[in-house]
């Protein structure tokens, strides 16, 4: 767990992110994020509150940190 990742996310987006914000973090179109949710391929845990869907800053940070660790293990990473 990298505290810097968590601090950056909370500072910029708050404790929970909308799917539009998740799309911004992942550099994807928000429609792509919704499609990934629909087909079960979004690698970040999300939850619904009323009609809106959110991801916790921790879930987003965990994903980003995992991708960084994965990249370190690859040649050139």
Protein backbone atom coordinates (compact mmCIF):
# COMPACT_ATOMS: atom_id res chain seq x y z
CA UNK A 1 0.00 0.00 0.00
CA UNK A 2 1.43 3.31 -1.07
CA UNK A 3 0.24 6.24 0.99
CA UNK A 4 1.21 8.69 -1.75
CA UNK A 5 -1.27 7.10 -4.17
CA UNK A 6 -4.06 7.31 -1.62
CA UNK A 7 -3.21 10.88 -0.69
CA UNK A 8 -3.18 11.99 -4.32
CA UNK A 9 -6.56 10.41 -5.05
CA UNK A 10 -8.24 11.80 -1.93
CA UNK A 11 -6.75 15.24 -2.52
CA UNK A 12 -8.00 15.42 -6.10
CA UNK A 13 -11.26 13.42 -6.06
CA UNK A 14 -12.27 12.79 -2.44
CA UNK A 15 -13.10 9.61 -0.58
CA UNK A 16 -15.25 8.12 -3.30
CA UNK A 17 -15.11 8.51 -7.03
CA UNK A 18 -17.89 8.59 -9.57
CA UNK A 19 -17.50 6.45 -12.64
CA UNK A 20 -16.64 9.58 -14.62
CA UNK A 21 -13.78 10.21 -12.19
CA UNK A 22 -12.67 6.58 -12.38
CA UNK A 23 -12.62 6.96 -16.16
CA UNK A 24 -10.42 10.05 -15.78
CA UNK A 25 -7.99 8.19 -13.51
CA UNK A 26 -7.79 5.27 -15.96
CA UNK A 27 -7.66 7.55 -19.00
CA UNK A 28 -10.73 5.86 -20.51
CA UNK A 29 -14.02 7.16 -21.85
CA UNK A 30 -16.72 6.96 -19.18
CA UNK A 31 -18.81 4.83 -21.55
CA UNK A 32 -15.98 2.32 -21.62
CA UNK A 33 -16.00 2.15 -17.82
CA UNK A 34 -19.76 1.48 -17.78
CA UNK A 35 -19.31 -1.21 -20.46
CA UNK A 36 -16.57 -2.82 -18.36
CA UNK A 37 -18.88 -2.81 -15.33
CA UNK A 38 -21.62 -4.43 -17.41
CA UNK A 39 -19.37 -7.22 -18.67
CA UNK A 40 -17.58 -7.70 -15.35
CA UNK A 41 -14.15 -6.67 -16.59
CA UNK A 42 -13.60 -3.48 -14.57
CA UNK A 43 -10.74 -4.37 -12.20
CA UNK A 44 -11.91 -1.89 -9.53
CA UNK A 45 -14.61 -2.68 -6.96
CA UNK A 46 -17.65 -0.43 -7.28
CA UNK A 47 -20.92 -0.04 -5.41
CA UNK A 48 -24.27 1.60 -5.99
CA UNK A 49 -25.83 4.16 -3.73
CA UNK A 50 -29.27 5.00 -5.01
CA UNK A 51 -28.95 5.29 -8.77
CA UNK A 52 -25.31 6.33 -8.75
CA UNK A 53 -22.25 4.08 -8.82
CA UNK A 54 -19.04 4.82 -6.93
CA UNK A 55 -15.61 3.39 -6.23
CA UNK A 56 -13.77 4.03 -2.99
CA UNK A 57 -10.45 5.82 -3.18
CA UNK A 58 -8.90 2.69 -1.63
CA UNK A 59 -10.18 0.44 -4.42
CA UNK A 60 -8.77 2.78 -7.05
CA UNK A 61 -5.45 3.15 -5.23
CA UNK A 62 -5.17 -0.63 -4.76
CA UNK A 63 -5.61 -1.13 -8.50
CA UNK A 64 -3.06 1.54 -9.43
CA UNK A 65 -0.54 0.17 -6.93
CA UNK A 66 -1.05 -3.39 -8.21
CA UNK A 67 -0.47 -2.24 -11.79
CA UNK A 68 2.73 -0.48 -10.71
CA UNK A 69 3.98 -3.63 -8.98
CA UNK A 70 3.12 -5.70 -12.03
CA UNK A 71 5.02 -3.31 -14.29
CA UNK A 72 8.10 -3.54 -12.06
CA UNK A 73 8.22 -7.31 -12.59
CA UNK A 74 8.24 -7.05 -16.39
CA UNK A 75 11.37 -6.38 -18.40
CA UNK A 76 11.62 -2.66 -19.04
CA UNK A 77 9.07 -1.94 -16.25
